[in-house]
């Protein structure tokens, strides 16, 4: 009887450990980071580009965009392996009202880009497809300085 209890206990420990480790791996593999007032400035200041999705859970268009935004994030992260290069972030505007107010969010979803800690004036107005968003971010990562040949 005692051996059965120990055996069951060991199996239970194994299952709990497996679930914990698989959840930890899943959390680190998430492509879109939920930003809050407690972590917003830290994340935005740490990355060259931050692509932000300001959303509301009740908004049908926000619900439609969420998996597309996630797919775009995964595609970009597969192509850009450099640390601190690109972050895809999402802000729940119903919970994070101070962030929404600071960025003058009046409609959902709103997509904005932050470059080197500075919010770009224009929000993203391109196609709402993973491919279009990926291409937009890759274009924004290109060197913005163009060398001019003086001989021409």
Protein backbone atom coordinates (compact mmCIF):
# COMPACT_ATOMS: atom_id res chain seq x y z
CA UNK A 1 0.00 0.00 0.00
CA UNK A 2 2.78 2.42 0.95
CA UNK A 3 4.65 1.72 -2.32
CA UNK A 4 1.51 2.52 -4.33
CA UNK A 5 1.12 5.87 -2.56
CA UNK A 6 4.78 6.74 -3.18
CA UNK A 7 4.50 5.65 -6.81
CA UNK A 8 1.36 7.72 -7.36
CA UNK A 9 2.97 10.69 -5.61
CA UNK A 10 6.08 10.45 -7.84
CA UNK A 11 3.91 10.28 -10.95
CA UNK A 12 1.94 13.28 -9.77
CA UNK A 13 5.14 15.24 -9.17
CA UNK A 14 6.29 14.32 -12.68
CA UNK A 15 3.03 15.52 -14.24
CA UNK A 16 3.10 18.79 -12.30
CA UNK A 17 6.73 19.38 -13.28
CA UNK A 18 5.95 18.62 -16.92
CA UNK A 19 3.01 21.03 -16.96
CA UNK A 20 5.06 23.75 -15.28
CA UNK A 21 7.97 23.40 -17.70
CA UNK A 22 5.73 23.28 -20.76
CA UNK A 23 3.91 26.43 -19.59
CA UNK A 24 7.23 28.20 -18.99
CA UNK A 25 8.40 27.33 -22.49
CA UNK A 26 5.08 28.48 -23.95
CA UNK A 27 5.25 31.81 -22.12
CA UNK A 28 8.76 32.50 -23.38
CA UNK A 29 7.72 31.61 -26.93
CA UNK A 30 4.87 34.12 -27.02
CA UNK A 31 5.43 36.60 -29.80
CA UNK A 32 3.26 39.44 -28.49
CA UNK A 33 3.92 40.92 -25.05
CA UNK A 34 1.05 42.29 -22.97
CA UNK A 35 2.10 45.78 -21.92
CA UNK A 36 0.85 47.42 -18.74
CA UNK A 37 1.58 50.66 -16.94
CA UNK A 38 4.16 48.79 -14.86
CA UNK A 39 6.20 47.44 -17.81
CA UNK A 40 5.37 49.74 -20.74
CA UNK A 41 8.28 52.20 -20.47
CA UNK A 42 10.80 49.44 -19.78
CA UNK A 43 9.86 47.49 -22.91
CA UNK A 44 9.42 50.48 -25.19
CA UNK A 45 12.82 51.89 -24.21
CA UNK A 46 14.60 48.57 -24.71
CA UNK A 47 13.79 47.86 -28.37
CA UNK A 48 14.70 49.59 -31.62
CA UNK A 49 11.14 49.11 -32.91
CA UNK A 50 7.97 48.43 -30.95
CA UNK A 51 4.79 47.70 -32.90
CA UNK A 52 1.81 48.34 -30.64
CA UNK A 53 -1.72 47.00 -30.86
CA UNK A 54 -4.09 49.11 -28.76
CA UNK A 55 -7.23 47.00 -28.39
CA UNK A 56 -10.40 46.36 -26.41
CA UNK A 57 -11.57 42.81 -25.66
CA UNK A 58 -15.19 43.64 -26.46
CA UNK A 59 -14.34 45.09 -29.89
CA UNK A 60 -15.07 42.69 -32.74
CA UNK A 61 -12.36 44.21 -34.93
CA UNK A 62 -9.81 43.85 -32.12
CA UNK A 63 -10.78 40.19 -31.81
CA UNK A 64 -10.33 39.67 -35.54
CA UNK A 65 -6.94 41.42 -35.58
CA UNK A 66 -5.43 39.61 -32.56
CA UNK A 67 -4.45 36.33 -34.32
CA UNK A 68 -3.26 38.24 -37.39
CA UNK A 69 -1.05 40.46 -35.22
CA UNK A 70 0.28 37.34 -33.44
CA UNK A 71 1.12 35.70 -36.77
CA UNK A 72 2.90 38.83 -38.00
CA UNK A 73 4.92 38.90 -34.77
CA UNK A 74 5.95 35.25 -35.17
CA UNK A 75 6.95 35.84 -38.79
CA UNK A 76 9.06 38.89 -37.93
CA UNK A 77 10.72 37.16 -34.97
CA UNK A 78 11.68 34.23 -37.19
CA UNK A 79 13.46 36.65 -39.53
CA UNK A 80 15.05 38.98 -36.96
CA UNK A 81 17.02 36.99 -34.44
CA UNK A 82 18.84 39.99 -32.96
CA UNK A 83 17.90 40.74 -29.36
CA UNK A 84 16.23 44.10 -28.62
CA UNK A 85 15.48 44.69 -32.30
CA UNK A 86 11.67 44.35 -32.54
CA UNK A 87 8.91 43.92 -30.00
CA UNK A 88 5.25 43.36 -30.78
CA UNK A 89 3.21 44.62 -27.86
CA UNK A 90 -0.47 44.79 -27.04
CA UNK A 91 -2.25 47.19 -24.72
CA UNK A 92 -5.70 46.40 -23.30
CA UNK A 93 -7.13 49.92 -23.33
CA UNK A 94 -9.99 49.09 -20.94
CA UNK A 95 -7.49 48.06 -18.27
CA UNK A 96 -4.63 50.40 -19.15
CA UNK A 97 -6.57 53.65 -19.45
CA UNK A 98 -3.56 55.84 -18.63
CA UNK A 99 -1.55 54.39 -21.54
CA UNK A 100 -4.53 54.73 -23.89
CA UNK A 101 -5.05 58.36 -22.85
CA UNK A 102 -1.36 59.19 -23.19
CA UNK A 103 -1.35 57.86 -26.76
CA UNK A 104 -4.74 59.43 -27.58
CA UNK A 105 -6.41 56.16 -28.49
CA UNK A 106 -10.03 56.77 -29.50
CA UNK A 107 -10.77 53.74 -31.68
CA UNK A 108 -9.95 50.06 -31.66
CA UNK A 109 -7.79 48.49 -32.76
CA UNK A 110 -5.14 51.15 -33.28
CA UNK A 111 -1.66 50.15 -34.42
CA UNK A 112 1.28 52.44 -33.67
CA UNK A 113 5.02 52.17 -34.13
CA UNK A 114 7.67 53.31 -31.66
CA UNK A 115 11.21 53.81 -32.98
CA UNK A 116 14.01 54.11 -30.42
CA UNK A 117 11.55 55.11 -27.71
CA UNK A 118 9.78 57.78 -29.80
CA UNK A 119 6.19 57.23 -30.93
CA UNK A 120 5.79 57.78 -34.65
CA UNK A 121 3.21 60.48 -35.42
CA UNK A 122 1.25 58.41 -37.92
CA UNK A 123 -0.45 55.22 -36.92
CA UNK A 124 -0.18 52.14 -39.12
CA UNK A 125 -2.79 52.41 -41.88
CA UNK A 126 -1.67 49.50 -44.06
CA UNK A 127 -3.44 46.25 -44.76
CA UNK A 128 -4.51 44.25 -41.74
CA UNK A 129 -2.78 41.07 -42.91
CA UNK A 130 0.16 39.30 -41.30
CA UNK A 131 2.16 39.58 -44.52
CA UNK A 132 1.58 43.34 -44.87
CA UNK A 133 2.48 44.02 -41.22
CA UNK A 134 5.60 41.86 -41.49
CA UNK A 135 6.70 43.74 -44.62
CA UNK A 136 6.02 47.08 -42.93
CA UNK A 137 8.19 46.20 -39.94
CA UNK A 138 10.98 44.82 -42.14
CA UNK A 139 10.89 48.04 -44.16
CA UNK A 140 11.11 50.09 -40.95
CA UNK A 141 14.16 48.07 -39.89
CA UNK A 142 16.10 49.07 -43.00
CA UNK A 143 18.73 51.74 -42.59
CA UNK A 144 16.96 55.08 -43.03
CA UNK A 145 20.14 56.86 -44.12
CA UNK A 146 20.85 56.67 -47.84
CA UNK A 147 24.34 57.36 -49.12
CA UNK A 148 24.48 59.73 -52.06
CA UNK A 149 27.21 59.31 -54.63
CA UNK A 150 28.77 62.75 -55.13
CA UNK A 151 29.91 61.91 -58.67
CA UNK A 152 26.36 61.56 -59.96
